[in-house]
Amino acid sequence: MTIVDMLGQSLILTGLGLAVVFTFLIIMICVMYGSSALIRALKLDKKEKESQKNSSASSSQNNESVIAAIAAAIHDKQLH
């Protein structure tokens, strides 16, 4: 077997490997979109939307507390 034959086989094997990986990724993406559509169709995501609304309100309050704490620490650091 010559070098040219071995390079040809390695290119074929590389191409097949890439094809398998990309095929799997495409199938996985299709399954994810399908499951998303199914969950929305069965209205199973309703609880998640409500929890997102609650978490965004509490996170804004947490952000304000963090900002106040940082401002107080900077002010205290400047005084000392």
Protein backbone atom coordinates (compact mmCIF):
# COMPACT_ATOMS: atom_id res chain seq x y z
CA MET A 1 0.00 0.00 0.00
CA THR A 2 1.48 3.31 -1.06
CA ILE A 3 1.38 6.66 0.69
CA VAL A 4 -1.15 7.96 -1.84
CA ASP A 5 -3.49 5.05 -1.08
CA MET A 6 -3.11 5.59 2.66
CA LEU A 7 -3.82 9.32 2.30
CA GLY A 8 -6.89 8.52 0.21
CA GLN A 9 -8.19 6.14 2.84
CA SER A 10 -7.52 8.63 5.62
CA LEU A 11 -9.44 11.34 3.74
CA ILE A 12 -12.37 8.96 3.23
CA LEU A 13 -12.34 7.99 6.90
CA THR A 14 -12.15 11.66 7.95
CA GLY A 15 -15.06 12.53 5.66
CA LEU A 16 -17.15 9.68 7.03
CA GLY A 17 -16.40 10.72 10.59
CA LEU A 18 -17.38 14.32 9.92
CA ALA A 19 -20.56 13.16 8.18
CA VAL A 20 -21.54 11.04 11.19
CA VAL A 21 -20.91 13.90 13.63
CA PHE A 22 -22.81 16.49 11.62
CA THR A 23 -25.68 14.07 10.98
CA PHE A 24 -25.96 13.46 14.72
CA LEU A 25 -25.91 17.19 15.43
CA ILE A 26 -28.63 17.86 12.85
CA ILE A 27 -30.79 15.08 14.30
CA MET A 28 -30.24 16.43 17.82
CA ILE A 29 -31.25 19.95 16.74
CA CYS A 30 -34.40 18.60 15.07
CA VAL A 31 -35.31 16.63 18.18
CA MET A 32 -34.81 19.72 20.37
CA TYR A 33 -37.03 21.85 18.13
CA GLY A 34 -39.62 19.07 18.01
CA SER A 35 -39.69 18.64 21.77
CA SER A 36 -39.96 22.41 22.19
CA ALA A 37 -42.96 22.53 19.85
CA LEU A 38 -44.54 19.57 21.63
CA ILE A 39 -44.09 21.15 25.06
CA ARG A 40 -45.62 24.42 23.83
CA ALA A 41 -48.49 22.55 22.15
CA LEU A 42 -49.29 20.67 25.36
CA LYS A 43 -48.88 23.92 27.35
CA LEU A 44 -46.40 22.31 29.72
CA ASP A 45 -44.22 25.44 29.81
CA LYS A 46 -46.79 27.60 31.62
CA LYS A 47 -45.22 27.10 35.04
CA GLU A 48 -41.81 28.01 33.67
CA LYS A 49 -43.05 31.34 32.32
CA GLU A 50 -44.59 32.23 35.69
CA SER A 51 -41.39 31.36 37.53
CA GLN A 52 -39.38 33.47 35.08
CA LYS A 53 -41.59 36.48 35.82
CA ASN A 54 -41.13 36.00 39.57
CA SER A 55 -37.39 35.48 39.28
CA SER A 56 -36.90 38.59 37.16
CA ALA A 57 -38.67 40.74 39.77
CA SER A 58 -36.62 39.30 42.61
CA SER A 59 -33.39 39.54 40.63
CA SER A 60 -33.92 43.27 40.07
CA GLN A 61 -34.35 43.70 43.83
CA ASN A 62 -31.18 41.67 44.40
CA ASN A 63 -29.32 43.79 41.87
CA GLU A 64 -30.33 46.96 43.69
CA SER A 65 -29.12 45.50 46.99
CA VAL A 66 -25.80 44.49 45.43
CA ILE A 67 -25.36 47.94 43.89
CA ALA A 68 -26.09 49.59 47.24
CA ALA A 69 -23.59 47.33 49.02
CA ILE A 70 -20.88 48.05 46.44
CA ALA A 71 -21.51 51.79 46.64
CA ALA A 72 -21.31 51.68 50.45
CA ALA A 73 -18.05 49.71 50.32
CA ILE A 74 -16.51 52.17 47.85
CA HIS A 75 -17.63 55.12 49.96
CA ASP A 76 -16.21 53.52 53.12
CA LYS A 77 -12.94 52.73 51.32
CA GLN A 78 -12.59 56.35 50.17
CA LEU A 79 -13.11 57.63 53.72
CA HIS A 80 -10.34 55.44 55.16
